[in-house]
């Protein structure tokens, strides 16, 4: 029994030395710490271009120079143009809950029609499945995108169709215009 106690005592004393060596700081080293921090701003940017981007990436979105930006530009459409592709709408967003795309606009009207009592030309315009239908207003649809998995660039082909009935009833003029607004709202 004395031998067992002596062996246990030797083991305990030996183990204390092992643990003491682990906890003892190295006199030849010093620790210095810092905390890295960053913030990620919410991004919701759009472009309306005449041609497709080379890739659906942030780099392509930010550096594209091969396409004309249609924002604020005139786009000509003619009678008989059915689902005419007039460009591509791009959305770059990192807003995880997603966004809703809606379209708003009025019928084409001649600048000579200052009292707004003349003829108008109705149309249907879409960006993806978001639709503004002035011919059959009950066919308007918003497009809800949710959720996003991080920074995403999404492409929507923009197509327009003029209503042939209201086109044929319109008074002769070469300046029928209408503004269409693409609205993105964070979900």
C-alpha atoms as a PDB file:
ATOM      1  CA  UNK A   1       0.000   0.000   0.000  1.00  0.00           C
ATOM      2  CA  UNK A   2       2.874   2.331   0.801  1.00  0.00           C
ATOM      3  CA  UNK A   3       4.284   1.634  -2.647  1.00  0.00           C
ATOM      4  CA  UNK A   4       0.935   2.531  -4.290  1.00  0.00           C
ATOM      5  CA  UNK A   5       0.679   5.811  -2.366  1.00  0.00           C
ATOM      6  CA  UNK A   6       4.286   6.629  -3.229  1.00  0.00           C
ATOM      7  CA  UNK A   7       3.658   5.949  -6.936  1.00  0.00           C
ATOM      8  CA  UNK A   8       0.496   8.086  -6.902  1.00  0.00           C
ATOM      9  CA  UNK A   9       2.348  10.883  -5.119  1.00  0.00           C
ATOM     10  CA  UNK A  10       5.123  10.804  -7.724  1.00  0.00           C
ATOM     11  CA  UNK A  11       2.529  10.891 -10.556  1.00  0.00           C
ATOM     12  CA  UNK A  12       0.685  13.856  -9.002  1.00  0.00           C
ATOM     13  CA  UNK A  13       3.896  15.798  -8.518  1.00  0.00           C
ATOM     14  CA  UNK A  14       4.971  14.977 -12.095  1.00  0.00           C
ATOM     15  CA  UNK A  15       1.605  16.039 -13.568  1.00  0.00           C
ATOM     16  CA  UNK A  16       1.647  19.365 -11.731  1.00  0.00           C
ATOM     17  CA  UNK A  17       4.925  20.098 -13.428  1.00  0.00           C
ATOM     18  CA  UNK A  18       3.446  19.256 -16.847  1.00  0.00           C
ATOM     19  CA  UNK A  19       0.401  21.548 -16.367  1.00  0.00           C
ATOM     20  CA  UNK A  20       2.534  24.290 -14.854  1.00  0.00           C
ATOM     21  CA  UNK A  21       4.725  24.268 -17.958  1.00  0.00           C
ATOM     22  CA  UNK A  22       1.657  24.672 -20.250  1.00  0.00           C
ATOM     23  CA  UNK A  23       0.254  27.665 -18.331  1.00  0.00           C
ATOM     24  CA  UNK A  24       3.548  29.477 -17.898  1.00  0.00           C
ATOM     25  CA  UNK A  25       3.964  32.363 -20.360  1.00  0.00           C
ATOM     26  CA  UNK A  26       6.970  32.307 -22.609  1.00  0.00           C
ATOM     27  CA  UNK A  27       9.236  35.093 -21.367  1.00  0.00           C
ATOM     28  CA  UNK A  28      10.505  35.556 -24.939  1.00  0.00           C
ATOM     29  CA  UNK A  29       7.101  36.379 -26.586  1.00  0.00           C
ATOM     30  CA  UNK A  30       4.412  39.033 -26.249  1.00  0.00           C
ATOM     31  CA  UNK A  31       0.837  38.809 -27.596  1.00  0.00           C
ATOM     32  CA  UNK A  32      -0.801  41.766 -29.311  1.00  0.00           C
ATOM     33  CA  UNK A  33      -4.394  41.531 -30.565  1.00  0.00           C
ATOM     34  CA  UNK A  34      -6.645  43.532 -32.835  1.00  0.00           C
ATOM     35  CA  UNK A  35     -10.261  43.131 -33.877  1.00  0.00           C
ATOM     36  CA  UNK A  36     -11.148  43.365 -37.561  1.00  0.00           C
ATOM     37  CA  UNK A  37     -14.447  45.101 -38.364  1.00  0.00           C
ATOM     38  CA  UNK A  38     -16.225  46.075 -41.553  1.00  0.00           C
ATOM     39  CA  UNK A  39     -19.675  47.085 -42.698  1.00  0.00           C
ATOM     40  CA  UNK A  40     -21.521  46.171 -45.865  1.00  0.00           C
ATOM     41  CA  UNK A  41     -23.732  48.908 -47.245  1.00  0.00           C
ATOM     42  CA  UNK A  42     -27.037  48.050 -48.853  1.00  0.00           C
ATOM     43  CA  UNK A  43     -26.759  48.074 -52.661  1.00  0.00           C
ATOM     44  CA  UNK A  44     -29.694  48.553 -55.008  1.00  0.00           C
ATOM     45  CA  UNK A  45     -28.468  49.834 -58.364  1.00  0.00           C
ATOM     46  CA  UNK A  46     -30.042  49.600 -61.796  1.00  0.00           C
ATOM     47  CA  UNK A  47     -29.067  50.031 -65.425  1.00  0.00           C
ATOM     48  CA  UNK A  48     -31.229  50.043 -68.538  1.00  0.00           C
ATOM     49  CA  UNK A  49     -29.005  49.026 -71.462  1.00  0.00           C
ATOM     50  CA  UNK A  50     -29.410  48.375 -75.179  1.00  0.00           C
ATOM     51  CA  UNK A  51     -27.510  45.063 -75.106  1.00  0.00           C
ATOM     52  CA  UNK A  52     -26.779  42.240 -72.688  1.00  0.00           C
ATOM     53  CA  UNK A  53     -23.916  42.415 -70.223  1.00  0.00           C
ATOM     54  CA  UNK A  54     -21.051  39.998 -70.855  1.00  0.00           C
ATOM     55  CA  UNK A  55     -21.769  38.325 -67.480  1.00  0.00           C
ATOM     56  CA  UNK A  56     -24.118  38.750 -64.526  1.00  0.00           C
ATOM     57  CA  UNK A  57     -21.344  39.884 -62.203  1.00  0.00           C
ATOM     58  CA  UNK A  58     -20.534  43.022 -60.253  1.00  0.00           C
ATOM     59  CA  UNK A  59     -17.479  43.643 -62.441  1.00  0.00           C
ATOM     60  CA  UNK A  60     -19.494  43.460 -65.673  1.00  0.00           C
ATOM     61  CA  UNK A  61     -22.255  45.643 -64.193  1.00  0.00           C
ATOM     62  CA  UNK A  62     -19.846  48.333 -63.018  1.00  0.00           C
ATOM     63  CA  UNK A  63     -17.466  48.424 -65.987  1.00  0.00           C
ATOM     64  CA  UNK A  64     -19.620  47.764 -69.071  1.00  0.00           C
ATOM     65  CA  UNK A  65     -18.895  50.259 -71.838  1.00  0.00           C
ATOM     66  CA  UNK A  66     -20.107  48.266 -74.840  1.00  0.00           C
ATOM     67  CA  UNK A  67     -23.789  49.089 -74.348  1.00  0.00           C
ATOM     68  CA  UNK A  68     -25.752  52.338 -74.468  1.00  0.00           C
ATOM     69  CA  UNK A  69     -27.477  53.348 -71.241  1.00  0.00           C
ATOM     70  CA  UNK A  70     -31.141  53.983 -72.067  1.00  0.00           C
ATOM     71  CA  UNK A  71     -31.918  55.891 -68.861  1.00  0.00           C
ATOM     72  CA  UNK A  72     -33.637  59.095 -69.993  1.00  0.00           C
ATOM     73  CA  UNK A  73     -33.216  58.242 -73.704  1.00  0.00           C
ATOM     74  CA  UNK A  74     -35.846  57.996 -76.427  1.00  0.00           C
ATOM     75  CA  UNK A  75     -36.679  54.508 -77.699  1.00  0.00           C
ATOM     76  CA  UNK A  76     -38.683  54.318 -80.925  1.00  0.00           C
ATOM     77  CA  UNK A  77     -41.362  51.684 -81.438  1.00  0.00           C
ATOM     78  CA  UNK A  78     -43.718  51.272 -84.381  1.00  0.00           C
ATOM     79  CA  UNK A  79     -47.158  49.923 -85.133  1.00  0.00           C
ATOM     80  CA  UNK A  80     -46.968  46.177 -85.498  1.00  0.00           C
ATOM     81  CA  UNK A  81     -44.067  45.804 -83.088  1.00  0.00           C
ATOM     82  CA  UNK A  82     -45.237  42.940 -80.909  1.00  0.00           C
ATOM     83  CA  UNK A  83     -43.127  42.194 -77.852  1.00  0.00           C
ATOM     84  CA  UNK A  84     -40.303  44.216 -79.385  1.00  0.00           C
ATOM     85  CA  UNK A  85     -37.164  43.867 -77.303  1.00  0.00           C
ATOM     86  CA  UNK A  86     -36.007  47.403 -76.558  1.00  0.00           C
ATOM     87  CA  UNK A  87     -33.295  46.691 -74.003  1.00  0.00           C
ATOM     88  CA  UNK A  88     -32.245  44.973 -70.816  1.00  0.00           C
ATOM     89  CA  UNK A  89     -32.886  46.124 -67.277  1.00  0.00           C
ATOM     90  CA  UNK A  90     -30.221  45.098 -64.766  1.00  0.00           C
ATOM     91  CA  UNK A  91     -30.502  45.148 -60.994  1.00  0.00           C
ATOM     92  CA  UNK A  92     -27.506  44.770 -58.707  1.00  0.00           C
ATOM     93  CA  UNK A  93     -28.535  44.217 -55.101  1.00  0.00           C
ATOM     94  CA  UNK A  94     -27.280  42.648 -51.913  1.00  0.00           C
ATOM     95  CA  UNK A  95     -30.472  43.307 -49.971  1.00  0.00           C
ATOM     96  CA  UNK A  96     -31.136  39.793 -48.636  1.00  0.00           C
ATOM     97  CA  UNK A  97     -34.953  40.134 -48.219  1.00  0.00           C
ATOM     98  CA  UNK A  98     -35.134  41.004 -51.930  1.00  0.00           C
ATOM     99  CA  UNK A  99     -37.052  43.693 -53.780  1.00  0.00           C
ATOM    100  CA  UNK A 100     -40.212  44.341 -55.769  1.00  0.00           C
ATOM    101  CA  UNK A 101     -40.094  45.692 -59.328  1.00  0.00           C
ATOM    102  CA  UNK A 102     -43.085  47.685 -60.552  1.00  0.00           C
ATOM    103  CA  UNK A 103     -43.688  49.712 -63.722  1.00  0.00           C
ATOM    104  CA  UNK A 104     -45.609  52.945 -64.066  1.00  0.00           C
ATOM    105  CA  UNK A 105     -46.477  55.109 -67.058  1.00  0.00           C
ATOM    106  CA  UNK A 106     -49.186  56.783 -69.090  1.00  0.00           C
ATOM    107  CA  UNK A 107     -50.336  56.350 -72.670  1.00  0.00           C
ATOM    108  CA  UNK A 108     -48.294  57.911 -75.486  1.00  0.00           C
ATOM    109  CA  UNK A 109     -49.468  61.471 -76.118  1.00  0.00           C
ATOM    110  CA  UNK A 110     -48.479  64.078 -78.718  1.00  0.00           C
ATOM    111  CA  UNK A 111     -46.747  67.244 -77.476  1.00  0.00           C
ATOM    112  CA  UNK A 112     -49.276  69.197 -79.600  1.00  0.00           C
ATOM    113  CA  UNK A 113     -52.010  67.879 -77.302  1.00  0.00           C
ATOM    114  CA  UNK A 114     -51.462  70.524 -74.600  1.00  0.00           C
ATOM    115  CA  UNK A 115     -54.981  70.248 -73.157  1.00  0.00           C
ATOM    116  CA  UNK A 116     -54.613  66.427 -72.951  1.00  0.00           C
ATOM    117  CA  UNK A 117     -57.929  65.853 -74.687  1.00  0.00           C
ATOM    118  CA  UNK A 118     -56.544  64.415 -77.922  1.00  0.00           C
ATOM    119  CA  UNK A 119     -55.882  60.853 -78.850  1.00  0.00           C
ATOM    120  CA  UNK A 120     -53.444  58.634 -77.056  1.00  0.00           C
ATOM    121  CA  UNK A 121     -51.713  55.409 -77.994  1.00  0.00           C
ATOM    122  CA  UNK A 122     -51.831  52.602 -75.463  1.00  0.00           C
ATOM    123  CA  UNK A 123     -49.107  50.010 -75.020  1.00  0.00           C
ATOM    124  CA  UNK A 124     -47.946  47.091 -72.930  1.00  0.00           C
ATOM    125  CA  UNK A 125     -44.415  47.041 -71.546  1.00  0.00           C
ATOM    126  CA  UNK A 126     -42.726  44.343 -69.489  1.00  0.00           C
ATOM    127  CA  UNK A 127     -39.460  43.730 -67.693  1.00  0.00           C
ATOM    128  CA  UNK A 128     -39.315  40.034 -66.955  1.00  0.00           C
ATOM    129  CA  UNK A 129     -42.754  39.221 -65.571  1.00  0.00           C
ATOM    130  CA  UNK A 130     -43.354  42.760 -64.257  1.00  0.00           C
ATOM    131  CA  UNK A 131     -45.908  44.272 -66.616  1.00  0.00           C
ATOM    132  CA  UNK A 132     -47.580  47.614 -67.239  1.00  0.00           C
ATOM    133  CA  UNK A 133     -50.567  46.993 -69.501  1.00  0.00           C
ATOM    134  CA  UNK A 134     -52.417  50.161 -70.541  1.00  0.00           C
ATOM    135  CA  UNK A 135     -54.546  48.196 -72.998  1.00  0.00           C
ATOM    136  CA  UNK A 136     -55.974  45.841 -70.379  1.00  0.00           C
ATOM    137  CA  UNK A 137     -55.063  47.447 -67.008  1.00  0.00           C
ATOM    138  CA  UNK A 138     -56.146  44.383 -65.045  1.00  0.00           C
ATOM    139  CA  UNK A 139     -53.086  42.636 -66.502  1.00  0.00           C
ATOM    140  CA  UNK A 140     -50.592  44.776 -64.523  1.00  0.00           C
ATOM    141  CA  UNK A 141     -48.176  42.696 -62.470  1.00  0.00           C
ATOM    142  CA  UNK A 142     -45.380  43.564 -60.072  1.00  0.00           C
ATOM    143  CA  UNK A 143     -42.405  41.238 -59.814  1.00  0.00           C
ATOM    144  CA  UNK A 144     -41.340  40.258 -56.296  1.00  0.00           C
ATOM    145  CA  UNK A 145     -37.786  38.923 -55.920  1.00  0.00           C
ATOM    146  CA  UNK A 146     -37.082  37.301 -52.571  1.00  0.00           C
ATOM    147  CA  UNK A 147     -34.813  36.311 -50.946  1.00  0.00           C
ATOM    148  CA  UNK A 148     -31.341  37.020 -52.306  1.00  0.00           C
ATOM    149  CA  UNK A 149     -28.328  34.990 -51.245  1.00  0.00           C
ATOM    150  CA  UNK A 150     -25.864  37.893 -51.387  1.00  0.00           C
ATOM    151  CA  UNK A 151     -24.774  40.343 -54.064  1.00  0.00           C
ATOM    152  CA  UNK A 152     -26.764  39.419 -57.156  1.00  0.00           C
ATOM    153  CA  UNK A 153     -26.971  40.916 -60.650  1.00  0.00           C
ATOM    154  CA  UNK A 154     -30.272  40.088 -62.328  1.00  0.00           C
ATOM    155  CA  UNK A 155     -31.290  40.679 -65.944  1.00  0.00           C
ATOM    156  CA  UNK A 156     -34.788  41.474 -67.227  1.00  0.00           C
ATOM    157  CA  UNK A 157     -35.459  41.810 -70.935  1.00  0.00           C
ATOM    158  CA  UNK A 158     -37.664  44.844 -71.608  1.00  0.00           C
ATOM    159  CA  UNK A 159     -40.322  44.342 -74.284  1.00  0.00           C
ATOM    160  CA  UNK A 160     -43.040  46.634 -75.614  1.00  0.00           C
ATOM    161  CA  UNK A 161     -46.138  46.230 -77.784  1.00  0.00           C
ATOM    162  CA  UNK A 162     -48.134  49.158 -79.161  1.00  0.00           C
ATOM    163  CA  UNK A 163     -51.907  48.783 -79.227  1.00  0.00           C
ATOM    164  CA  UNK A 164     -52.844  48.777 -82.934  1.00  0.00           C
ATOM    165  CA  UNK A 165     -56.431  49.947 -82.268  1.00  0.00           C
ATOM    166  CA  UNK A 166     -55.469  53.171 -80.460  1.00  0.00           C
ATOM    167  CA  UNK A 167     -52.535  53.644 -82.861  1.00  0.00           C
ATOM    168  CA  UNK A 168     -54.923  53.606 -85.841  1.00  0.00           C
ATOM    169  CA  UNK A 169     -57.210  56.148 -84.121  1.00  0.00           C
ATOM    170  CA  UNK A 170     -54.372  58.556 -83.263  1.00  0.00           C
ATOM    171  CA  UNK A 171     -54.021  61.910 -85.005  1.00  0.00           C
ATOM    172  CA  UNK A 172     -51.021  62.321 -87.282  1.00  0.00           C
ATOM    173  CA  UNK A 173     -47.983  63.550 -85.349  1.00  0.00           C
ATOM    174  CA  UNK A 174     -44.379  62.445 -85.052  1.00  0.00           C
ATOM    175  CA  UNK A 175     -43.859  63.231 -81.397  1.00  0.00           C
ATOM    176  CA  UNK A 176     -45.977  60.823 -79.355  1.00  0.00           C
ATOM    177  CA  UNK A 177     -44.118  60.160 -76.103  1.00  0.00           C
ATOM    178  CA  UNK A 178     -44.644  58.600 -72.695  1.00  0.00           C
ATOM    179  CA  UNK A 179     -42.317  58.151 -69.748  1.00  0.00           C
ATOM    180  CA  UNK A 180     -42.119  54.724 -68.155  1.00  0.00           C
ATOM    181  CA  UNK A 181     -40.728  54.411 -64.642  1.00  0.00           C
ATOM    182  CA  UNK A 182     -39.188  51.217 -63.271  1.00  0.00           C
ATOM    183  CA  UNK A 183     -39.469  51.284 -59.472  1.00  0.00           C
ATOM    184  CA  UNK A 184     -37.550  49.008 -57.128  1.00  0.00           C
ATOM    185  CA  UNK A 185     -38.731  48.782 -53.549  1.00  0.00           C
ATOM    186  CA  UNK A 186     -36.877  46.824 -50.888  1.00  0.00           C
ATOM    187  CA  UNK A 187     -39.020  44.041 -49.397  1.00  0.00           C
END
